[in-house]
Amino acid sequence: MADFLELPDKPYLNCTEAGLAVLDADQVKRDISSPPLFVLKVGPGNLLEQRPLKASGQDGEVVVVQCEGGATLRLDFDDDVATKSGPDGDFRYKGGISDGNDGLGFMPA
């Protein structure tokens, strides 16, 4: 299992074709070339199986991300849990958010 990932106080979420980069907005303001704190990559069985389109909401430690194909990811950084809802139903990632690039896949919620 990877190290537990923490969401910064002011996250900046950058959705790209390759994945979702999480940066600290305060660091980016000071240095535009700041590297991401972590990146969730698109890949088979990964937390991001399809391209993230936009971060559509945040409530404390919970971030909601809209993805191609109509899937909505709910990333709960406080509990290190990721769930996905979409046309095929509701699912939970088999690992934590910190395992999001490990290709563990989803199970029915």
Foldseek 3Di string as FASTA:
>chain_A
DFDQDAQDPAWDWDFDQFFIFIAHPVVCVVPVPDHGPDTQGADALALHVFGWDDFDDDDPQWTWTAGPQAKIWIARSVVQWIWIQGPVGIWTRPGGNSCRNVSRHTDHD
